[in-house]
Amino acid sequence: MMTHDLSQESTAEEYTLAELMICAGAEAFRNDGEVLATGIGLIPRLAASLAMKTFNTDLMMTDSEAWLLSEPNPVGNREDGFVQKNETWMGFSRIFDNVWSSKRHAMVGPTQIDRFGQANISALGGTYEQPKVQMLGVRGFPGNSISHANSFFVPSHNTRVFVDGECDVVASIGYNPERLPKGYTLDEVDIRLVITDLCVMDWNGPDHQLRLVSVHPGVTVEQVLKNTGFEVFVEGDVPVTAAPTEVQLEVIRELDPHNLRSKQLKDNPPGDRRL
């Protein structure tokens, strides 16, 4: 696989918020080694692909059907002459072998996240029997969250996503001792990064509290706290999220030649909102 060296690259002066979030999301996969990377949604998929093409070439990725890829596929319509670089067969049985052996890292997009890191993609409001809004159902969230690492992607950081109290439906395991499956400990829960349109966070605060890791250029700590429905741990001076490098932007353009990333966020503003 052709890879790109980022060590000597200059920082880009102009980039979009989507591109900033792709680069920030790629960091979630930096130290994973050889695991199956799954990005649910276009920006998480591009983030995992960027990591695979640059600093973690050991990552595995499928074509979302039945093949393990030597190089991540570009998104959107393929150019004439495109040849998918298959490495080996990767049917469902092998997918689940990776899932259940903790050899997978998924970046997912919950509708709600609570202070424990529990997530909801199932239903909103009302009662369990008769919710106000029915969504996907819990899908694979319960089994995935107890089996392997997960990160969260949130395109609009607000108190409807980061909710006060518990999620309306707890679809995935979090750092809540009252809901741990039998035989599990908090140390076995593995929630990595939270990438939002305002900041980067993780769960490495005291007692697995959500912690602010960096704010995006032009965003303040106060904006993050105001738009989060529970307390966030803030330690000292919070750094600014690193801007993409020119090489990273080049790779992103290769992976997304039709610029579908620009349509994933409302108005897709500049990544540096001071501009």
Protein backbone atom coordinates (compact mmCIF):
# COMPACT_ATOMS: atom_id res chain seq x y z
CA MET A 1 0.00 0.00 0.00
CA MET A 2 1.27 3.47 -0.87
CA THR A 3 1.60 5.45 2.36
CA HIS A 4 2.37 9.06 3.18
CA ASP A 5 4.93 10.42 5.63
CA LEU A 6 3.43 13.18 7.77
CA SER A 7 6.50 13.86 9.89
CA GLN A 8 7.94 16.68 7.78
CA GLU A 9 4.72 18.09 6.41
CA SER A 10 3.57 21.66 6.72
CA THR A 11 0.26 22.61 8.29
CA ALA A 12 -2.52 23.60 5.91
CA GLU A 13 -3.66 27.22 6.04
CA GLU A 14 -7.16 26.57 4.66
CA TYR A 15 -9.34 23.58 5.48
CA THR A 16 -12.97 22.87 6.23
CA LEU A 17 -14.54 21.71 9.47
CA ALA A 18 -15.24 18.32 7.88
CA GLU A 19 -11.56 17.95 7.01
CA LEU A 20 -10.51 18.96 10.52
CA MET A 21 -12.88 16.36 12.00
CA ILE A 22 -11.61 13.66 9.63
CA CYS A 23 -8.03 14.31 10.76
CA ALA A 24 -9.04 14.46 14.44
CA GLY A 25 -11.01 11.23 14.01
CA ALA A 26 -8.03 9.48 12.42
CA GLU A 27 -6.15 9.97 15.69
CA ALA A 28 -8.55 7.54 17.37
CA PHE A 29 -6.95 4.73 15.33
CA ARG A 30 -3.30 5.83 15.70
CA ASN A 31 -2.10 3.23 18.19
CA ASP A 32 -4.49 0.39 17.35
CA GLY A 33 -2.11 -1.79 15.36
CA GLU A 34 -3.75 -4.59 13.40
CA VAL A 35 -7.45 -4.31 14.16
CA LEU A 36 -10.53 -4.07 11.97
CA ALA A 37 -11.42 -0.38 11.63
CA THR A 38 -15.08 0.39 11.00
CA GLY A 39 -16.28 3.93 10.41
CA ILE A 40 -20.07 4.26 10.51
CA GLY A 41 -20.86 7.22 8.27
CA LEU A 42 -18.77 9.06 5.74
CA ILE A 43 -16.58 11.20 8.00
CA PRO A 44 -15.73 8.29 10.36
CA ARG A 45 -15.00 6.09 7.33
CA LEU A 46 -12.67 8.70 5.87
CA ALA A 47 -11.02 9.12 9.28
CA ALA A 48 -10.23 5.41 9.51
CA SER A 49 -9.07 5.36 5.88
CA LEU A 50 -6.78 8.33 6.49
CA ALA A 51 -5.21 6.56 9.47
CA MET A 52 -4.68 3.43 7.35
CA LYS A 53 -3.05 5.44 4.55
CA THR A 54 -0.71 7.39 6.84
CA PHE A 55 0.37 6.50 10.37
CA ASN A 56 -1.22 3.08 11.02
CA THR A 57 -0.76 0.92 7.96
CA ASP A 58 -1.51 -2.21 10.01
CA LEU A 59 -5.21 -1.32 10.18
CA MET A 60 -7.61 -3.67 8.45
CA MET A 61 -10.63 -2.46 6.51
CA THR A 62 -13.34 -4.19 4.51
CA ASP A 63 -15.30 -3.14 1.44
CA SER A 64 -18.42 -3.48 3.66
CA GLU A 65 -19.39 -6.61 1.74
CA ALA A 66 -17.07 -9.60 1.74
CA TRP A 67 -13.50 -8.52 1.15
CA LEU A 68 -10.58 -7.34 3.26
CA LEU A 69 -8.79 -4.51 1.46
CA SER A 70 -5.12 -3.78 0.95
CA GLU A 71 -6.05 -0.12 0.48
CA PRO A 72 -9.24 1.66 1.56
CA ASN A 73 -11.72 2.26 -1.24
CA PRO A 74 -12.52 5.83 -2.25
CA VAL A 75 -16.09 6.89 -1.56
CA GLY A 76 -18.66 7.82 -4.21
CA ASN A 77 -18.78 6.87 -7.87
CA ARG A 78 -15.66 5.09 -9.11
CA GLU A 79 -13.65 6.29 -12.07
CA ASP A 80 -13.36 4.12 -15.19
CA GLY A 81 -10.70 1.51 -14.71
CA PHE A 82 -10.99 1.42 -10.90
CA VAL A 83 -9.74 -1.90 -9.50
CA GLN A 84 -10.48 -2.80 -5.90
CA LYS A 85 -7.38 -4.09 -4.14
CA ASN A 86 -8.69 -7.16 -2.35
CA GLU A 87 -6.43 -8.92 0.11
CA THR A 88 -8.59 -11.83 1.23
CA TRP A 89 -12.16 -12.98 1.78
CA MET A 90 -13.80 -11.39 4.83
CA GLY A 91 -17.32 -12.78 5.23
CA PHE A 92 -19.54 -12.38 8.26
CA SER A 93 -18.06 -15.30 10.18
CA ARG A 94 -14.61 -13.71 10.07
CA ILE A 95 -16.08 -10.30 10.95
CA PHE A 96 -17.57 -11.73 14.13
CA ASP A 97 -14.33 -13.51 14.96
CA ASN A 98 -12.72 -10.07 15.03
CA VAL A 99 -15.59 -8.49 16.96
CA TRP A 100 -15.67 -11.09 19.72
CA SER A 101 -11.89 -11.22 20.11
CA SER A 102 -11.62 -7.42 20.63
CA LYS A 103 -9.83 -7.00 17.29
CA ARG A 104 -12.13 -4.24 16.08
CA HIS A 105 -12.49 -0.51 16.65
CA ALA A 106 -15.67 1.17 15.44
CA MET A 107 -16.40 4.88 15.22
CA VAL A 108 -20.15 5.24 15.59
CA GLY A 109 -22.68 8.08 15.62
CA PRO A 110 -25.03 7.92 18.63
CA THR A 111 -28.17 10.03 18.82
CA GLN A 112 -27.72 10.42 22.59
CA ILE A 113 -24.71 10.08 24.89
CA ASP A 114 -24.90 10.35 28.67
CA ARG A 115 -22.34 11.06 31.39
CA PHE A 116 -21.47 7.37 31.62
CA GLY A 117 -20.64 7.08 27.93
CA GLN A 118 -23.79 5.03 27.38
CA ALA A 119 -25.23 5.63 23.92
CA ASN A 120 -28.66 5.50 22.27
CA ILE A 121 -29.60 4.85 18.64
CA SER A 122 -32.92 3.17 19.40
CA ALA A 123 -35.76 5.51 20.43
CA LEU A 124 -36.46 8.92 21.95
CA GLY A 125 -39.01 10.11 24.54
CA GLY A 126 -42.22 8.50 25.69
CA THR A 127 -41.96 5.00 27.15
CA TYR A 128 -40.00 1.97 26.06
CA GLU A 129 -43.24 0.40 24.82
CA GLN A 130 -44.41 3.57 23.05
CA PRO A 131 -41.58 6.02 22.34
CA LYS A 132 -42.18 9.40 20.72
CA VAL A 133 -39.55 8.72 18.06
CA GLN A 134 -38.58 5.25 16.88
CA MET A 135 -35.11 4.99 15.33
CA LEU A 136 -32.89 2.05 14.39
CA GLY A 137 -33.28 -0.15 17.43
CA VAL A 138 -30.19 -1.10 19.41
CA ARG A 139 -28.73 -3.02 16.42
CA GLY A 140 -25.23 -4.29 17.24
CA PHE A 141 -24.50 -1.74 19.96
CA PRO A 142 -24.83 -4.07 22.99
CA GLY A 143 -22.52 -6.80 21.68
CA ASN A 144 -20.08 -4.41 20.04
CA SER A 145 -19.68 -2.22 23.12
CA ILE A 146 -18.85 -5.16 25.41
CA SER A 147 -16.50 -6.76 22.88
CA HIS A 148 -14.25 -4.08 21.39
CA ALA A 149 -13.21 -0.43 21.38
CA ASN A 150 -15.61 2.26 20.19
CA SER A 151 -15.28 5.96 19.47
CA PHE A 152 -18.10 8.45 18.92
CA PHE A 153 -18.68 10.90 16.09
CA VAL A 154 -21.08 13.79 16.79
CA PRO A 155 -21.70 16.21 13.89
CA SER A 156 -23.68 18.69 16.04
CA HIS A 157 -22.56 19.10 19.64
CA ASN A 158 -25.57 20.08 21.76
CA THR A 159 -27.52 19.12 24.88
CA ARG A 160 -29.93 16.97 22.85
CA VAL A 161 -27.02 14.63 22.13
CA PHE A 162 -25.06 15.01 25.37
CA VAL A 163 -28.04 14.56 27.66
CA ASP A 164 -28.66 15.28 31.32
CA GLY A 165 -29.45 12.00 33.07
CA GLU A 166 -29.36 8.63 31.33
CA CYS A 167 -30.07 8.05 27.66
CA ASP A 168 -33.74 7.39 26.86
CA VAL A 169 -32.70 3.89 25.77
CA VAL A 170 -29.34 2.54 26.92
CA ALA A 171 -28.16 0.74 23.80
CA SER A 172 -24.47 0.31 24.67
CA ILE A 173 -22.35 -0.30 27.71
CA GLY A 174 -20.67 2.66 29.43
CA TYR A 175 -18.90 3.48 32.68
CA ASN A 176 -22.01 2.94 34.78
CA PRO A 177 -21.40 0.38 37.55
CA GLU A 178 -25.15 -0.09 37.99
CA ARG A 179 -25.52 -1.46 34.45
CA LEU A 180 -22.37 -3.54 34.03
CA PRO A 181 -23.05 -7.00 32.60
CA LYS A 182 -22.37 -9.83 35.02
CA GLY A 183 -18.68 -10.58 35.23
CA TYR A 184 -17.54 -7.28 33.69
CA THR A 185 -15.54 -4.50 35.32
CA LEU A 186 -15.23 -0.84 34.40
CA ASP A 187 -11.68 -1.51 33.24
CA GLU A 188 -13.06 -3.69 30.45
CA VAL A 189 -15.17 -0.88 28.97
CA ASP A 190 -13.23 0.71 26.11
CA ILE A 191 -14.61 4.02 24.81
CA ARG A 192 -11.90 6.02 23.10
CA LEU A 193 -12.33 9.45 21.50
CA VAL A 194 -15.41 11.62 21.00
CA ILE A 195 -15.09 13.79 17.89
CA THR A 196 -17.61 16.64 17.60
CA ASP A 197 -17.95 19.81 15.55
CA LEU A 198 -16.68 21.76 18.60
CA CYS A 199 -13.96 19.66 20.16
CA VAL A 200 -12.25 16.35 20.89
CA MET A 201 -13.01 14.55 24.17
CA ASP A 202 -12.26 11.23 25.85
CA TRP A 203 -13.32 9.36 28.99
CA ASN A 204 -10.04 9.71 30.89
CA GLY A 205 -11.24 12.18 33.51
CA PRO A 206 -11.59 11.15 37.20
CA ASP A 207 -13.72 8.00 37.53
CA HIS A 208 -14.04 7.82 33.72
CA GLN A 209 -15.59 11.28 33.49
CA LEU A 210 -15.82 12.82 30.03
CA ARG A 211 -12.72 14.97 29.58
CA LEU A 212 -12.07 17.83 27.18
CA VAL A 213 -8.96 17.01 25.12
CA SER A 214 -8.91 19.93 22.66
CA VAL A 215 -11.16 22.63 21.24
CA HIS A 216 -11.33 23.29 17.52
CA PRO A 217 -9.80 26.57 16.30
CA GLY A 218 -12.13 29.46 17.13
CA VAL A 219 -14.17 27.47 19.68
CA THR A 220 -14.03 28.26 23.40
CA VAL A 221 -14.14 25.94 26.38
CA GLU A 222 -17.29 27.77 27.52
CA GLN A 223 -19.05 26.88 24.25
CA VAL A 224 -18.32 23.20 24.82
CA LEU A 225 -19.54 23.26 28.42
CA LYS A 226 -22.70 25.18 27.52
CA ASN A 227 -23.61 22.61 24.88
CA THR A 228 -23.03 19.55 27.05
CA GLY A 229 -25.85 18.43 29.35
CA PHE A 230 -23.56 17.17 32.10
CA GLU A 231 -20.25 18.10 33.71
CA VAL A 232 -17.10 17.79 31.61
CA PHE A 233 -13.67 17.51 33.19
CA VAL A 234 -11.39 20.38 32.14
CA GLU A 235 -7.75 20.15 33.12
CA GLY A 236 -5.56 23.26 32.84
CA ASP A 237 -5.18 25.09 29.55
CA VAL A 238 -7.00 23.14 26.86
CA PRO A 239 -5.04 22.91 23.60
CA VAL A 240 -6.40 23.67 20.15
CA THR A 241 -7.12 20.73 17.85
CA ALA A 242 -4.24 20.30 15.41
CA ALA A 243 -4.90 21.59 11.91
CA PRO A 244 -4.58 19.14 9.00
CA THR A 245 -1.31 18.91 7.13
CA GLU A 246 -1.11 19.44 3.38
CA VAL A 247 -0.39 15.73 2.95
CA GLN A 248 -3.47 14.77 4.97
CA LEU A 249 -5.63 17.00 2.76
CA GLU A 250 -4.10 15.39 -0.32
CA VAL A 251 -4.97 11.92 0.99
CA ILE A 252 -8.50 13.02 1.88
CA ARG A 253 -9.01 14.30 -1.66
CA GLU A 254 -7.83 10.93 -3.01
CA LEU A 255 -10.25 9.09 -0.71
CA ASP A 256 -13.16 11.45 -1.44
CA PRO A 257 -12.66 12.67 -5.02
CA HIS A 258 -16.25 13.98 -5.29
CA ASN A 259 -16.01 16.06 -2.09
CA LEU A 260 -18.93 14.28 -0.43
CA ARG A 261 -17.42 15.34 2.90
CA SER A 262 -18.56 18.90 2.28
CA LYS A 263 -22.20 17.81 2.53
CA GLN A 264 -21.93 16.03 5.89
CA LEU A 265 -22.09 19.11 8.15
CA LYS A 266 -24.46 22.05 8.07
CA ASP A 267 -22.82 24.71 5.87
CA ASN A 268 -19.44 22.99 6.48
CA PRO A 269 -17.72 26.15 7.79
CA PRO A 270 -13.96 26.74 7.76
CA GLY A 271 -12.11 24.47 10.18
CA ASP A 272 -10.65 27.56 11.82
CA ARG A 273 -13.72 29.56 12.82
CA ARG A 274 -11.60 32.59 13.65
CA LEU A 275 -11.34 33.21 9.90
